[in-house]
């Protein structure tokens, strides 16, 4: 169902991909958008329980696209280093393919857990602030849950 990576010499373990998902500040969420054009949008996200969670407003391009076709992928890249003398770049990347679903507000424990995971990633040890944010935005924000079906991690490190 999913293609094998062409450059198997750069294939890295899933654990490396999970580590990258936990470290990366943002990823690009790709969906099938309007008129079947691809739509990729940078998003903040968190990885938890083999899923990726993205927060967003209740409506917009990505929400509409997911409702039409829940198949998505999220790409994140880290450890970038330009190797000028070799005209190349060192990096680690992960692509996670999966099914997305919009978690409806309010009063939803999954939504609250996802928001907490996202807030803890970007603003750790701020439980009171996290709880206040969740409460203040419960009526106008939601969470997208991506259940990962396939993930590849690629690493290039020439030194």
C-alpha atoms as a PDB file:
ATOM      1  CA  UNK A   1       0.000   0.000   0.000  1.00  0.00           C
ATOM      2  CA  UNK A   2       2.788   2.437   0.875  1.00  0.00           C
ATOM      3  CA  UNK A   3       5.890   2.740  -1.265  1.00  0.00           C
ATOM      4  CA  UNK A   4       9.198   1.562   0.021  1.00  0.00           C
ATOM      5  CA  UNK A   5      11.831   4.213   0.448  1.00  0.00           C
ATOM      6  CA  UNK A   6      14.104   4.380  -2.584  1.00  0.00           C
ATOM      7  CA  UNK A   7      17.253   5.322  -0.633  1.00  0.00           C
ATOM      8  CA  UNK A   8      17.313   2.429   1.820  1.00  0.00           C
ATOM      9  CA  UNK A   9      20.839   3.437   2.846  1.00  0.00           C
ATOM     10  CA  UNK A  10      19.272   6.483   4.536  1.00  0.00           C
ATOM     11  CA  UNK A  11      16.398   4.640   6.189  1.00  0.00           C
ATOM     12  CA  UNK A  12      16.416   5.181   9.926  1.00  0.00           C
ATOM     13  CA  UNK A  13      14.549   3.444  12.733  1.00  0.00           C
ATOM     14  CA  UNK A  14      10.993   4.421  13.659  1.00  0.00           C
ATOM     15  CA  UNK A  15      12.332   5.431  17.073  1.00  0.00           C
ATOM     16  CA  UNK A  16      14.367   8.137  15.343  1.00  0.00           C
ATOM     17  CA  UNK A  17      11.196   9.353  13.653  1.00  0.00           C
ATOM     18  CA  UNK A  18       9.322   9.460  16.960  1.00  0.00           C
ATOM     19  CA  UNK A  19      12.234  11.332  18.549  1.00  0.00           C
ATOM     20  CA  UNK A  20      12.139  13.854  15.696  1.00  0.00           C
ATOM     21  CA  UNK A  21       8.360  14.283  16.024  1.00  0.00           C
ATOM     22  CA  UNK A  22       8.891  15.052  19.707  1.00  0.00           C
ATOM     23  CA  UNK A  23      11.658  17.595  18.989  1.00  0.00           C
ATOM     24  CA  UNK A  24      10.548  19.418  15.838  1.00  0.00           C
ATOM     25  CA  UNK A  25       8.948  22.801  16.332  1.00  0.00           C
ATOM     26  CA  UNK A  26       6.677  22.460  13.316  1.00  0.00           C
ATOM     27  CA  UNK A  27       5.710  20.105  10.550  1.00  0.00           C
ATOM     28  CA  UNK A  28       3.902  20.431   7.254  1.00  0.00           C
ATOM     29  CA  UNK A  29       0.476  18.813   7.173  1.00  0.00           C
ATOM     30  CA  UNK A  30      -0.517  17.785   3.655  1.00  0.00           C
ATOM     31  CA  UNK A  31      -4.094  17.120   2.622  1.00  0.00           C
ATOM     32  CA  UNK A  32      -6.048  16.816  -0.614  1.00  0.00           C
ATOM     33  CA  UNK A  33      -7.476  20.321  -0.933  1.00  0.00           C
ATOM     34  CA  UNK A  34      -9.880  22.164  -3.175  1.00  0.00           C
ATOM     35  CA  UNK A  35     -10.267  20.761  -6.701  1.00  0.00           C
ATOM     36  CA  UNK A  36      -7.969  17.873  -5.686  1.00  0.00           C
ATOM     37  CA  UNK A  37      -4.919  20.137  -5.429  1.00  0.00           C
ATOM     38  CA  UNK A  38      -2.493  19.216  -2.665  1.00  0.00           C
ATOM     39  CA  UNK A  39      -2.507  21.620   0.253  1.00  0.00           C
ATOM     40  CA  UNK A  40       0.427  21.691   2.659  1.00  0.00           C
ATOM     41  CA  UNK A  41       0.308  23.918   5.707  1.00  0.00           C
ATOM     42  CA  UNK A  42       2.889  24.393   8.479  1.00  0.00           C
ATOM     43  CA  UNK A  43       1.447  23.363  11.859  1.00  0.00           C
ATOM     44  CA  UNK A  44       2.423  23.009  15.479  1.00  0.00           C
ATOM     45  CA  UNK A  45       1.788  19.476  16.663  1.00  0.00           C
ATOM     46  CA  UNK A  46       2.432  16.895  19.356  1.00  0.00           C
ATOM     47  CA  UNK A  47       3.064  13.159  19.174  1.00  0.00           C
ATOM     48  CA  UNK A  48       1.293  11.046  21.793  1.00  0.00           C
ATOM     49  CA  UNK A  49       0.115   7.428  21.945  1.00  0.00           C
ATOM     50  CA  UNK A  50       1.187   6.679  18.338  1.00  0.00           C
ATOM     51  CA  UNK A  51      -0.889   9.613  17.067  1.00  0.00           C
ATOM     52  CA  UNK A  52      -0.155  13.155  15.977  1.00  0.00           C
ATOM     53  CA  UNK A  53      -2.329  15.968  17.299  1.00  0.00           C
ATOM     54  CA  UNK A  54      -2.698  19.374  15.629  1.00  0.00           C
ATOM     55  CA  UNK A  55      -4.711  22.260  17.043  1.00  0.00           C
ATOM     56  CA  UNK A  56      -6.688  24.646  14.874  1.00  0.00           C
ATOM     57  CA  UNK A  57      -9.812  26.749  14.561  1.00  0.00           C
ATOM     58  CA  UNK A  58     -13.161  25.111  13.901  1.00  0.00           C
ATOM     59  CA  UNK A  59     -13.182  25.890  10.208  1.00  0.00           C
ATOM     60  CA  UNK A  60     -10.778  26.441   7.356  1.00  0.00           C
ATOM     61  CA  UNK A  61      -9.101  24.796   4.401  1.00  0.00           C
ATOM     62  CA  UNK A  62      -7.508  21.879   6.278  1.00  0.00           C
ATOM     63  CA  UNK A  63     -10.720  21.074   8.193  1.00  0.00           C
ATOM     64  CA  UNK A  64     -12.762  21.091   4.965  1.00  0.00           C
ATOM     65  CA  UNK A  65     -10.163  18.894   3.240  1.00  0.00           C
ATOM     66  CA  UNK A  66     -10.049  16.350   6.066  1.00  0.00           C
ATOM     67  CA  UNK A  67     -13.829  16.085   6.092  1.00  0.00           C
ATOM     68  CA  UNK A  68     -13.726  15.251   2.356  1.00  0.00           C
ATOM     69  CA  UNK A  69     -10.720  12.916   2.519  1.00  0.00           C
ATOM     70  CA  UNK A  70      -9.162  11.918   5.858  1.00  0.00           C
ATOM     71  CA  UNK A  71      -5.926  10.620   4.311  1.00  0.00           C
ATOM     72  CA  UNK A  72      -3.077  12.961   5.259  1.00  0.00           C
ATOM     73  CA  UNK A  73       0.649  13.067   5.827  1.00  0.00           C
ATOM     74  CA  UNK A  74       2.791  15.157   8.110  1.00  0.00           C
ATOM     75  CA  UNK A  75       6.427  15.869   7.283  1.00  0.00           C
ATOM     76  CA  UNK A  76       8.995  17.199   9.741  1.00  0.00           C
ATOM     77  CA  UNK A  77      12.704  17.900   9.231  1.00  0.00           C
ATOM     78  CA  UNK A  78      15.396  18.507  11.822  1.00  0.00           C
ATOM     79  CA  UNK A  79      19.144  18.550  12.298  1.00  0.00           C
ATOM     80  CA  UNK A  80      19.719  20.516   9.128  1.00  0.00           C
ATOM     81  CA  UNK A  81      23.324  21.323   8.377  1.00  0.00           C
ATOM     82  CA  UNK A  82      24.552  22.575   5.023  1.00  0.00           C
ATOM     83  CA  UNK A  83      27.773  20.841   4.019  1.00  0.00           C
ATOM     84  CA  UNK A  84      29.185  23.487   1.648  1.00  0.00           C
ATOM     85  CA  UNK A  85      32.315  21.562   0.766  1.00  0.00           C
ATOM     86  CA  UNK A  86      30.222  18.566  -0.346  1.00  0.00           C
ATOM     87  CA  UNK A  87      27.406  20.608  -1.896  1.00  0.00           C
ATOM     88  CA  UNK A  88      24.933  18.697   0.247  1.00  0.00           C
ATOM     89  CA  UNK A  89      22.922  18.790   3.470  1.00  0.00           C
ATOM     90  CA  UNK A  90      22.802  16.642   6.591  1.00  0.00           C
ATOM     91  CA  UNK A  91      19.303  16.198   7.999  1.00  0.00           C
ATOM     92  CA  UNK A  92      16.809  13.871   9.598  1.00  0.00           C
ATOM     93  CA  UNK A  93      13.259  13.747   8.270  1.00  0.00           C
ATOM     94  CA  UNK A  94      10.093  11.878   9.083  1.00  0.00           C
ATOM     95  CA  UNK A  95       6.950  11.412   7.032  1.00  0.00           C
ATOM     96  CA  UNK A  96       3.916  10.048   8.865  1.00  0.00           C
ATOM     97  CA  UNK A  97       0.929   8.894   6.810  1.00  0.00           C
ATOM     98  CA  UNK A  98      -2.422   8.344   8.436  1.00  0.00           C
ATOM     99  CA  UNK A  99      -6.114   8.960   8.817  1.00  0.00           C
ATOM    100  CA  UNK A 100      -7.147  12.302  10.289  1.00  0.00           C
ATOM    101  CA  UNK A 101     -10.256  13.066  12.251  1.00  0.00           C
ATOM    102  CA  UNK A 102     -11.526  16.307  13.700  1.00  0.00           C
ATOM    103  CA  UNK A 103     -12.097  15.995  17.445  1.00  0.00           C
ATOM    104  CA  UNK A 104     -15.217  18.032  18.210  1.00  0.00           C
ATOM    105  CA  UNK A 105     -15.337  20.554  21.042  1.00  0.00           C
ATOM    106  CA  UNK A 106     -16.208  21.065  23.882  1.00  0.00           C
ATOM    107  CA  UNK A 107     -16.131  18.807  26.927  1.00  0.00           C
ATOM    108  CA  UNK A 108     -14.024  16.149  25.263  1.00  0.00           C
ATOM    109  CA  UNK A 109     -11.321  14.369  27.239  1.00  0.00           C
ATOM    110  CA  UNK A 110      -9.354  13.407  24.085  1.00  0.00           C
ATOM    111  CA  UNK A 111      -9.380  17.030  22.956  1.00  0.00           C
ATOM    112  CA  UNK A 112      -8.178  18.218  26.366  1.00  0.00           C
ATOM    113  CA  UNK A 113      -5.416  15.574  26.487  1.00  0.00           C
ATOM    114  CA  UNK A 114      -4.289  16.546  22.978  1.00  0.00           C
ATOM    115  CA  UNK A 115      -4.222  20.263  23.835  1.00  0.00           C
ATOM    116  CA  UNK A 116      -2.268  19.446  26.997  1.00  0.00           C
ATOM    117  CA  UNK A 117       0.285  17.420  24.984  1.00  0.00           C
ATOM    118  CA  UNK A 118       0.701  20.278  22.498  1.00  0.00           C
ATOM    119  CA  UNK A 119       1.047  22.906  25.222  1.00  0.00           C
ATOM    120  CA  UNK A 120       3.493  20.718  27.187  1.00  0.00           C
ATOM    121  CA  UNK A 121       5.665  20.376  24.089  1.00  0.00           C
ATOM    122  CA  UNK A 122       5.909  24.121  23.449  1.00  0.00           C
ATOM    123  CA  UNK A 123       5.434  25.569  26.934  1.00  0.00           C
ATOM    124  CA  UNK A 124       6.488  22.841  29.409  1.00  0.00           C
ATOM    125  CA  UNK A 125       5.641  22.953  33.112  1.00  0.00           C
ATOM    126  CA  UNK A 126       2.851  25.502  32.700  1.00  0.00           C
ATOM    127  CA  UNK A 127      -0.150  23.426  33.806  1.00  0.00           C
ATOM    128  CA  UNK A 128      -2.183  26.415  35.049  1.00  0.00           C
ATOM    129  CA  UNK A 129      -1.567  28.316  31.835  1.00  0.00           C
ATOM    130  CA  UNK A 130      -2.456  25.221  29.784  1.00  0.00           C
ATOM    131  CA  UNK A 131      -5.719  24.701  31.671  1.00  0.00           C
ATOM    132  CA  UNK A 132      -6.635  28.380  31.246  1.00  0.00           C
ATOM    133  CA  UNK A 133      -5.902  28.255  27.514  1.00  0.00           C
ATOM    134  CA  UNK A 134      -7.993  25.117  27.023  1.00  0.00           C
ATOM    135  CA  UNK A 135     -10.910  26.677  28.913  1.00  0.00           C
ATOM    136  CA  UNK A 136     -10.660  30.047  27.138  1.00  0.00           C
ATOM    137  CA  UNK A 137     -10.626  28.487  23.664  1.00  0.00           C
ATOM    138  CA  UNK A 138     -12.910  25.492  24.106  1.00  0.00           C
ATOM    139  CA  UNK A 139     -15.666  26.993  21.967  1.00  0.00           C
ATOM    140  CA  UNK A 140     -13.605  28.188  18.996  1.00  0.00           C
ATOM    141  CA  UNK A 141     -10.802  25.642  18.589  1.00  0.00           C
ATOM    142  CA  UNK A 142     -10.509  21.967  17.918  1.00  0.00           C
ATOM    143  CA  UNK A 143      -7.914  19.267  17.523  1.00  0.00           C
ATOM    144  CA  UNK A 144      -7.097  17.059  14.565  1.00  0.00           C
ATOM    145  CA  UNK A 145      -6.053  13.538  15.519  1.00  0.00           C
ATOM    146  CA  UNK A 146      -3.904  11.680  13.001  1.00  0.00           C
ATOM    147  CA  UNK A 147      -3.770   7.930  13.567  1.00  0.00           C
ATOM    148  CA  UNK A 148      -0.450   6.926  12.029  1.00  0.00           C
ATOM    149  CA  UNK A 149      -0.650   4.044   9.552  1.00  0.00           C
ATOM    150  CA  UNK A 150       2.853   4.243   8.104  1.00  0.00           C
ATOM    151  CA  UNK A 151       5.946   6.224   8.980  1.00  0.00           C
ATOM    152  CA  UNK A 152       9.361   6.524   7.394  1.00  0.00           C
ATOM    153  CA  UNK A 153      12.394   8.245   8.785  1.00  0.00           C
ATOM    154  CA  UNK A 154      15.352   9.251   6.677  1.00  0.00           C
ATOM    155  CA  UNK A 155      18.730  10.389   7.929  1.00  0.00           C
ATOM    156  CA  UNK A 156      21.707  11.759   6.056  1.00  0.00           C
ATOM    157  CA  UNK A 157      24.868  12.408   8.022  1.00  0.00           C
ATOM    158  CA  UNK A 158      28.100  12.682   6.079  1.00  0.00           C
ATOM    159  CA  UNK A 159      31.094  13.872   7.997  1.00  0.00           C
END
